[in-house]
Amino acid sequence: MLAVLMDQGNREFTRWISSVNVEQARALAESLGYRLVTGTSDESWTEVTLRSGRARPALRLVQSAG
């Protein structure tokens, strides 16, 4: 399922996968240009978010107090 979503070109999506498959999913993600970030998990399941593109910090303009 993750491979299908990556192939469709989704920039970001979150899914629950079996905890034993996280490293396999990470390898697949890296080979297809995605980053995998893990979220909440328990003994059986882990929430993963996959993002494509470069990781850039969100910048914002702030006003000077002076």
N, C-alpha and C. Protein backbone atom coordinates (compact mmCIF):
# COMPACT_ATOMS: atom_id res chain seq x y z
N MET A 1 0.82 -1.19 0.00
CA MET A 1 0.00 0.00 0.00
C MET A 1 0.87 1.25 0.00
N LEU A 2 1.92 1.26 0.79
CA LEU A 2 2.81 2.42 0.81
C LEU A 2 3.44 2.67 -0.55
N ALA A 3 3.85 1.62 -1.21
CA ALA A 3 4.46 1.76 -2.53
C ALA A 3 3.48 2.36 -3.53
N VAL A 4 2.22 1.97 -3.47
CA VAL A 4 1.20 2.52 -4.37
C VAL A 4 1.03 4.01 -4.11
N LEU A 5 0.94 4.40 -2.85
CA LEU A 5 0.77 5.82 -2.52
C LEU A 5 1.98 6.64 -2.96
N MET A 6 3.17 6.09 -2.81
CA MET A 6 4.37 6.81 -3.26
C MET A 6 4.39 6.90 -4.77
N ASP A 7 3.99 5.84 -5.44
CA ASP A 7 3.97 5.83 -6.90
C ASP A 7 2.96 6.83 -7.46
N GLN A 8 1.90 7.10 -6.73
CA GLN A 8 0.90 8.07 -7.16
C GLN A 8 1.40 9.50 -7.02
N GLY A 9 2.53 9.68 -6.35
CA GLY A 9 3.11 11.02 -6.21
C GLY A 9 2.59 11.83 -5.05
N ASN A 10 1.96 11.18 -4.09
CA ASN A 10 1.50 11.91 -2.91
C ASN A 10 2.70 12.51 -2.19
N ARG A 11 2.62 13.81 -1.87
CA ARG A 11 3.75 14.48 -1.20
C ARG A 11 3.87 14.08 0.26
N GLU A 12 2.75 13.82 0.91
CA GLU A 12 2.78 13.44 2.32
C GLU A 12 1.55 12.61 2.65
N PHE A 13 1.75 11.55 3.42
CA PHE A 13 0.63 10.75 3.89
C PHE A 13 1.06 10.00 5.15
N THR A 14 0.07 9.61 5.94
CA THR A 14 0.30 8.91 7.21
C THR A 14 -0.50 7.62 7.20
N ARG A 15 0.13 6.55 7.65
CA ARG A 15 -0.52 5.25 7.74
C ARG A 15 0.00 4.51 8.97
N TRP A 16 -0.78 3.54 9.41
CA TRP A 16 -0.36 2.62 10.46
C TRP A 16 0.16 1.37 9.79
N ILE A 17 1.35 0.91 10.21
CA ILE A 17 1.90 -0.33 9.67
C ILE A 17 2.37 -1.20 10.82
N SER A 18 2.60 -2.46 10.52
CA SER A 18 3.12 -3.38 11.52
C SER A 18 4.49 -2.89 11.98
N SER A 19 4.72 -2.90 13.28
CA SER A 19 5.98 -2.41 13.83
C SER A 19 7.19 -3.17 13.30
N VAL A 20 7.01 -4.45 12.97
CA VAL A 20 8.14 -5.23 12.46
C VAL A 20 8.52 -4.83 11.03
N ASN A 21 7.66 -4.07 10.34
CA ASN A 21 7.93 -3.68 8.95
C ASN A 21 8.45 -2.26 8.80
N VAL A 22 8.72 -1.57 9.89
CA VAL A 22 9.13 -0.17 9.81
C VAL A 22 10.44 -0.02 9.04
N GLU A 23 11.43 -0.83 9.33
CA GLU A 23 12.73 -0.70 8.64
C GLU A 23 12.61 -1.04 7.16
N GLN A 24 11.79 -2.00 6.82
CA GLN A 24 11.56 -2.34 5.42
C GLN A 24 10.87 -1.17 4.71
N ALA A 25 9.89 -0.55 5.36
CA ALA A 25 9.20 0.60 4.79
C ALA A 25 10.16 1.78 4.64
N ARG A 26 11.06 1.96 5.60
CA ARG A 26 12.05 3.04 5.53
C ARG A 26 12.97 2.86 4.32
N ALA A 27 13.42 1.64 4.10
CA ALA A 27 14.30 1.36 2.95
C ALA A 27 13.57 1.63 1.64
N LEU A 28 12.31 1.20 1.55
CA LEU A 28 11.52 1.45 0.36
C LEU A 28 11.32 2.95 0.14
N ALA A 29 11.01 3.65 1.21
CA ALA A 29 10.79 5.10 1.12
C ALA A 29 12.04 5.81 0.62
N GLU A 30 13.18 5.48 1.18
CA GLU A 30 14.43 6.12 0.77
C GLU A 30 14.73 5.84 -0.70
N SER A 31 14.46 4.63 -1.16
CA SER A 31 14.75 4.31 -2.56
C SER A 31 13.83 5.04 -3.53
N LEU A 32 12.66 5.49 -3.04
CA LEU A 32 11.72 6.21 -3.89
C LEU A 32 11.71 7.72 -3.61
N GLY A 33 12.69 8.20 -2.83
CA GLY A 33 12.82 9.63 -2.60
C GLY A 33 11.91 10.19 -1.51
N TYR A 34 11.52 9.37 -0.57
CA TYR A 34 10.67 9.79 0.54
C TYR A 34 11.44 9.69 1.85
N ARG A 35 11.00 10.45 2.83
CA ARG A 35 11.50 10.34 4.20
C ARG A 35 10.40 9.71 5.04
N LEU A 36 10.76 8.80 5.92
CA LEU A 36 9.80 8.15 6.79
C LEU A 36 10.04 8.63 8.21
N VAL A 37 8.98 9.13 8.85
CA VAL A 37 9.04 9.59 10.23
C VAL A 37 8.07 8.75 11.04
N THR A 38 8.54 8.19 12.14
CA THR A 38 7.65 7.37 12.97
C THR A 38 6.95 8.24 14.00
N GLY A 39 5.73 7.84 14.32
CA GLY A 39 4.92 8.54 15.32
C GLY A 39 4.61 7.60 16.46
N THR A 40 3.40 7.63 16.93
CA THR A 40 2.99 6.77 18.03
C THR A 40 3.07 5.31 17.63
N SER A 41 3.34 4.49 18.63
CA SER A 41 3.40 3.05 18.35
C SER A 41 3.06 2.27 19.61
N ASP A 42 2.75 1.02 19.39
CA ASP A 42 2.58 0.07 20.49
C ASP A 42 3.36 -1.18 20.10
N GLU A 43 3.09 -2.28 20.72
CA GLU A 43 3.85 -3.50 20.43
C GLU A 43 3.64 -4.00 19.01
N SER A 44 2.47 -3.75 18.44
CA SER A 44 2.14 -4.32 17.14
C SER A 44 2.15 -3.33 15.98
N TRP A 45 1.78 -2.07 16.24
CA TRP A 45 1.57 -1.10 15.17
C TRP A 45 2.37 0.17 15.40
N THR A 46 2.78 0.80 14.30
CA THR A 46 3.50 2.07 14.35
C THR A 46 2.89 3.00 13.32
N GLU A 47 2.65 4.24 13.73
CA GLU A 47 2.16 5.25 12.81
C GLU A 47 3.37 5.84 12.08
N VAL A 48 3.33 5.84 10.75
CA VAL A 48 4.43 6.40 9.96
C VAL A 48 3.89 7.49 9.04
N THR A 49 4.69 8.53 8.88
CA THR A 49 4.39 9.61 7.94
C THR A 49 5.48 9.60 6.90
N LEU A 50 5.09 9.61 5.65
CA LEU A 50 6.05 9.65 4.54
C LEU A 50 5.91 10.98 3.84
N ARG A 51 7.07 11.61 3.57
CA ARG A 51 7.10 12.92 2.90
C ARG A 51 8.11 12.87 1.77
N SER A 52 7.74 13.49 0.66
CA SER A 52 8.68 13.58 -0.46
C SER A 52 9.20 15.01 -0.56
N GLY A 53 10.24 15.18 -1.34
CA GLY A 53 10.83 16.50 -1.50
C GLY A 53 11.84 16.78 -0.42
N ARG A 54 12.43 17.95 -0.53
CA ARG A 54 13.45 18.33 0.44
C ARG A 54 12.83 18.77 1.75
N ALA A 55 13.54 18.50 2.83
CA ALA A 55 13.09 18.95 4.16
C ALA A 55 13.66 20.34 4.39
N ARG A 56 12.78 21.34 4.39
CA ARG A 56 13.22 22.70 4.63
C ARG A 56 12.51 23.23 5.86
N PRO A 57 13.20 24.04 6.64
CA PRO A 57 12.53 24.62 7.80
C PRO A 57 11.48 25.63 7.36
N ALA A 58 10.42 25.74 8.12
CA ALA A 58 9.40 26.74 7.84
C ALA A 58 9.90 28.08 8.36
N LEU A 59 10.10 29.02 7.47
CA LEU A 59 10.59 30.34 7.85
C LEU A 59 9.43 31.32 7.92
N ARG A 60 9.55 32.27 8.82
CA ARG A 60 8.51 33.30 8.91
C ARG A 60 9.16 34.63 9.22
N LEU A 61 8.54 35.69 8.79
CA LEU A 61 9.04 37.04 8.98
C LEU A 61 8.60 37.54 10.35
N VAL A 62 9.55 38.06 11.11
CA VAL A 62 9.22 38.63 12.43
C VAL A 62 9.64 40.09 12.43
N GLN A 63 8.91 40.92 13.15
CA GLN A 63 9.19 42.35 13.20
C GLN A 63 10.19 42.65 14.30
N SER A 64 11.04 43.59 14.03
CA SER A 64 12.02 44.04 15.02
C SER A 64 11.35 44.93 16.06
N ALA A 65 11.76 44.82 17.30
CA ALA A 65 11.18 45.64 18.37
C ALA A 65 11.81 47.03 18.40
N GLY A 66 12.85 47.27 17.63
CA GLY A 66 13.59 48.52 17.73
C GLY A 66 13.22 49.47 16.71
